[in-house]
Amino acid sequence: DNLKYSSTFGVVAVMFFVLMTIGKSVQSLIEDGYNTDDDVKLFPDGIKDVMQATPLALNAFASHMIVPRIYYELHDDDNVPRIQQMREIIRVSVSISAVLYLSMGAFAYVEFGDSTQGDVLKNFCIQDT
């Protein structure tokens, strides 16, 4: 109950950004085609690439600090115990996070290729030229 408005706003903001990135990427693909000059990397080249990607992946799913509060706010139901409700919440939230992160990563990579930065927002300029 305490986090429902701020959490909803956060998820909607991320979904908006992902949808805008998908739209921009599809628009670029339709207008310009795919740039085959970029080397597509599906796997890291070395340990340095793994070490750079690990914090992002871990941060994407780091919600453990709010789990006790969410569990506390759940109500016992005659048919569904709180632990089962919590499992469902975790399953849904991790699934949504994974879909959003994978979509954002894939479409940003299609849009920007090798010049994709760690913070994708830095790839978008304020004035589209």
C-alpha atoms as a PDB file:
ATOM      1  CA  ASP A   1       0.000   0.000   0.000  1.00  0.00           C
ATOM      2  CA  ASN A   2       2.800   2.434   0.831  1.00  0.00           C
ATOM      3  CA  LEU A   3       4.653   2.002  -2.447  1.00  0.00           C
ATOM      4  CA  LYS A   4       1.832   1.391  -4.905  1.00  0.00           C
ATOM      5  CA  TYR A   5       1.761   4.884  -6.434  1.00  0.00           C
ATOM      6  CA  SER A   6       5.495   5.451  -6.706  1.00  0.00           C
ATOM      7  CA  SER A   7       6.080   1.900  -7.946  1.00  0.00           C
ATOM      8  CA  THR A   8       3.323   2.203 -10.525  1.00  0.00           C
ATOM      9  CA  PHE A   9       4.771   5.504 -11.737  1.00  0.00           C
ATOM     10  CA  GLY A  10       8.240   3.967 -11.978  1.00  0.00           C
ATOM     11  CA  VAL A  11       7.050   0.956 -13.978  1.00  0.00           C
ATOM     12  CA  VAL A  12       4.968   3.155 -16.308  1.00  0.00           C
ATOM     13  CA  ALA A  13       7.951   5.474 -16.868  1.00  0.00           C
ATOM     14  CA  VAL A  14      10.215   2.535 -17.746  1.00  0.00           C
ATOM     15  CA  MET A  15       7.549   1.058 -20.041  1.00  0.00           C
ATOM     16  CA  PHE A  16       7.199   4.422 -21.779  1.00  0.00           C
ATOM     17  CA  PHE A  17      10.938   4.633 -22.371  1.00  0.00           C
ATOM     18  CA  VAL A  18      11.079   1.047 -23.655  1.00  0.00           C
ATOM     19  CA  LEU A  19       8.147   1.647 -26.014  1.00  0.00           C
ATOM     20  CA  MET A  20       9.735   4.856 -27.312  1.00  0.00           C
ATOM     21  CA  THR A  21      13.014   3.027 -27.920  1.00  0.00           C
ATOM     22  CA  ILE A  22      11.210   0.204 -29.735  1.00  0.00           C
ATOM     23  CA  GLY A  23       9.296   2.740 -31.853  1.00  0.00           C
ATOM     24  CA  LYS A  24      12.443   4.678 -32.728  1.00  0.00           C
ATOM     25  CA  SER A  25      14.323   1.488 -33.538  1.00  0.00           C
ATOM     26  CA  VAL A  26      11.548   0.126 -35.769  1.00  0.00           C
ATOM     27  CA  GLN A  27      11.227   3.512 -37.480  1.00  0.00           C
ATOM     28  CA  SER A  28      14.969   3.555 -38.196  1.00  0.00           C
ATOM     29  CA  LEU A  29      14.844  -0.013 -39.498  1.00  0.00           C
ATOM     30  CA  ILE A  30      11.991   0.860 -41.867  1.00  0.00           C
ATOM     31  CA  GLU A  31      13.577   4.087 -43.104  1.00  0.00           C
ATOM     32  CA  ASP A  32      17.272   3.152 -43.208  1.00  0.00           C
ATOM     33  CA  GLY A  33      17.438  -0.619 -42.920  1.00  0.00           C
ATOM     34  CA  TYR A  34      19.830  -2.434 -40.615  1.00  0.00           C
ATOM     35  CA  ASN A  35      23.429  -1.226 -40.598  1.00  0.00           C
ATOM     36  CA  THR A  36      25.448  -4.329 -41.424  1.00  0.00           C
ATOM     37  CA  ASP A  37      28.742  -2.507 -40.812  1.00  0.00           C
ATOM     38  CA  ASP A  38      28.401  -2.949 -37.040  1.00  0.00           C
ATOM     39  CA  ASP A  39      29.822  -6.126 -35.569  1.00  0.00           C
ATOM     40  CA  VAL A  40      27.042  -7.765 -33.584  1.00  0.00           C
ATOM     41  CA  LYS A  41      28.425  -9.241 -30.379  1.00  0.00           C
ATOM     42  CA  LEU A  42      26.249 -11.897 -28.799  1.00  0.00           C
ATOM     43  CA  PHE A  43      28.835 -12.889 -26.206  1.00  0.00           C
ATOM     44  CA  PRO A  44      31.471 -10.902 -24.322  1.00  0.00           C
ATOM     45  CA  ASP A  45      34.990 -10.754 -25.728  1.00  0.00           C
ATOM     46  CA  GLY A  46      36.670 -11.267 -22.391  1.00  0.00           C
ATOM     47  CA  ILE A  47      36.470 -10.979 -18.635  1.00  0.00           C
ATOM     48  CA  LYS A  48      36.507  -7.172 -18.826  1.00  0.00           C
ATOM     49  CA  ASP A  49      33.183  -7.173 -20.738  1.00  0.00           C
ATOM     50  CA  VAL A  50      31.674  -9.593 -18.218  1.00  0.00           C
ATOM     51  CA  MET A  51      32.795  -7.418 -15.320  1.00  0.00           C
ATOM     52  CA  GLN A  52      31.254  -4.337 -16.946  1.00  0.00           C
ATOM     53  CA  ALA A  53      27.908  -6.063 -17.580  1.00  0.00           C
ATOM     54  CA  THR A  54      27.557  -7.812 -14.213  1.00  0.00           C
ATOM     55  CA  PRO A  55      26.626  -4.731 -12.108  1.00  0.00           C
ATOM     56  CA  LEU A  56      23.877  -3.799 -14.553  1.00  0.00           C
ATOM     57  CA  ALA A  57      22.376  -7.280 -14.509  1.00  0.00           C
ATOM     58  CA  LEU A  58      22.556  -7.500 -10.721  1.00  0.00           C
ATOM     59  CA  ASN A  59      21.084  -4.032 -10.243  1.00  0.00           C
ATOM     60  CA  ALA A  60      18.168  -4.869 -12.544  1.00  0.00           C
ATOM     61  CA  PHE A  61      16.871  -7.489 -10.142  1.00  0.00           C
ATOM     62  CA  ALA A  62      17.979  -5.996  -6.805  1.00  0.00           C
ATOM     63  CA  SER A  63      14.667  -5.619  -5.042  1.00  0.00           C
ATOM     64  CA  HIS A  64      15.522  -7.696  -1.992  1.00  0.00           C
ATOM     65  CA  MET A  65      15.463  -4.710   0.351  1.00  0.00           C
ATOM     66  CA  ILE A  66      11.698  -4.185  -0.100  1.00  0.00           C
ATOM     67  CA  VAL A  67      10.650  -7.847   0.069  1.00  0.00           C
ATOM     68  CA  PRO A  68      10.081  -7.857   3.870  1.00  0.00           C
ATOM     69  CA  ARG A  69       7.869  -4.765   3.620  1.00  0.00           C
ATOM     70  CA  ILE A  70       5.816  -6.251   0.794  1.00  0.00           C
ATOM     71  CA  TYR A  71       5.455  -9.529   2.683  1.00  0.00           C
ATOM     72  CA  TYR A  72       4.346  -7.653   5.796  1.00  0.00           C
ATOM     73  CA  GLU A  73       1.620  -5.828   3.874  1.00  0.00           C
ATOM     74  CA  LEU A  74       0.146  -8.997   2.378  1.00  0.00           C
ATOM     75  CA  HIS A  75      -3.014 -10.274   4.034  1.00  0.00           C
ATOM     76  CA  ASP A  76      -3.647 -13.887   4.885  1.00  0.00           C
ATOM     77  CA  ASP A  77      -6.300 -15.325   2.652  1.00  0.00           C
ATOM     78  CA  ASP A  78      -8.207 -18.528   3.398  1.00  0.00           C
ATOM     79  CA  ASN A  79      -7.309 -19.975   0.019  1.00  0.00           C
ATOM     80  CA  VAL A  80      -3.857 -18.481  -0.596  1.00  0.00           C
ATOM     81  CA  PRO A  81      -1.220 -18.202   2.144  1.00  0.00           C
ATOM     82  CA  ARG A  82       1.099 -15.191   2.210  1.00  0.00           C
ATOM     83  CA  ILE A  83       4.163 -17.161   1.150  1.00  0.00           C
ATOM     84  CA  GLN A  84       2.368 -18.341  -1.992  1.00  0.00           C
ATOM     85  CA  GLN A  85       1.249 -14.764  -2.714  1.00  0.00           C
ATOM     86  CA  MET A  86       4.856 -13.637  -2.304  1.00  0.00           C
ATOM     87  CA  ARG A  87       6.084 -16.271  -4.744  1.00  0.00           C
ATOM     88  CA  GLU A  88       3.596 -15.040  -7.330  1.00  0.00           C
ATOM     89  CA  ILE A  89       4.625 -11.414  -6.780  1.00  0.00           C
ATOM     90  CA  ILE A  90       8.284 -12.328  -7.233  1.00  0.00           C
ATOM     91  CA  ARG A  91       7.581 -14.410 -10.339  1.00  0.00           C
ATOM     92  CA  VAL A  92       5.573 -11.629 -11.987  1.00  0.00           C
ATOM     93  CA  SER A  93       7.933  -8.798 -11.023  1.00  0.00           C
ATOM     94  CA  VAL A  94      11.074 -10.628 -12.178  1.00  0.00           C
ATOM     95  CA  SER A  95       9.328 -11.575 -15.432  1.00  0.00           C
ATOM     96  CA  ILE A  96       8.285  -7.976 -16.103  1.00  0.00           C
ATOM     97  CA  SER A  97      11.793  -6.722 -15.283  1.00  0.00           C
ATOM     98  CA  ALA A  98      13.402  -9.317 -17.548  1.00  0.00           C
ATOM     99  CA  VAL A  99      11.112  -8.516 -20.480  1.00  0.00           C
ATOM    100  CA  LEU A 100      11.672  -4.773 -20.095  1.00  0.00           C
ATOM    101  CA  TYR A 101      15.458  -5.053 -19.753  1.00  0.00           C
ATOM    102  CA  LEU A 102      15.810  -7.528 -22.635  1.00  0.00           C
ATOM    103  CA  SER A 103      13.547  -5.457 -24.898  1.00  0.00           C
ATOM    104  CA  MET A 104      15.406  -2.276 -24.056  1.00  0.00           C
ATOM    105  CA  GLY A 105      18.792  -3.872 -24.610  1.00  0.00           C
ATOM    106  CA  ALA A 106      17.879  -5.576 -27.877  1.00  0.00           C
ATOM    107  CA  PHE A 107      16.164  -2.611 -29.506  1.00  0.00           C
ATOM    108  CA  ALA A 108      18.751  -0.104 -28.280  1.00  0.00           C
ATOM    109  CA  TYR A 109      21.457  -2.335 -29.744  1.00  0.00           C
ATOM    110  CA  VAL A 110      19.572  -2.517 -33.045  1.00  0.00           C
ATOM    111  CA  GLU A 111      19.245   1.285 -33.026  1.00  0.00           C
ATOM    112  CA  PHE A 112      22.747   2.284 -31.953  1.00  0.00           C
ATOM    113  CA  GLY A 113      24.885  -0.764 -32.729  1.00  0.00           C
ATOM    114  CA  ASP A 114      28.452  -0.648 -31.421  1.00  0.00           C
ATOM    115  CA  SER A 115      27.993   2.891 -30.112  1.00  0.00           C
ATOM    116  CA  THR A 116      25.410   1.766 -27.529  1.00  0.00           C
ATOM    117  CA  GLN A 117      26.491   3.155 -24.167  1.00  0.00           C
ATOM    118  CA  GLY A 118      25.999   1.551 -20.777  1.00  0.00           C
ATOM    119  CA  ASP A 119      23.350   4.163 -19.988  1.00  0.00           C
ATOM    120  CA  VAL A 120      21.126   4.064 -23.069  1.00  0.00           C
ATOM    121  CA  LEU A 121      19.691   7.480 -22.240  1.00  0.00           C
ATOM    122  CA  LYS A 122      23.063   8.944 -23.207  1.00  0.00           C
ATOM    123  CA  ASN A 123      22.551   7.625 -26.746  1.00  0.00           C
ATOM    124  CA  PHE A 124      19.471   9.763 -27.258  1.00  0.00           C
ATOM    125  CA  CYS A 125      20.153  13.392 -28.028  1.00  0.00           C
ATOM    126  CA  ILE A 126      17.740  16.121 -27.046  1.00  0.00           C
ATOM    127  CA  GLN A 127      17.489  17.415 -30.568  1.00  0.00           C
ATOM    128  CA  ASP A 128      17.080  14.731 -33.232  1.00  0.00           C
ATOM    129  CA  THR A 129      19.384  15.700 -36.111  1.00  0.00           C
END
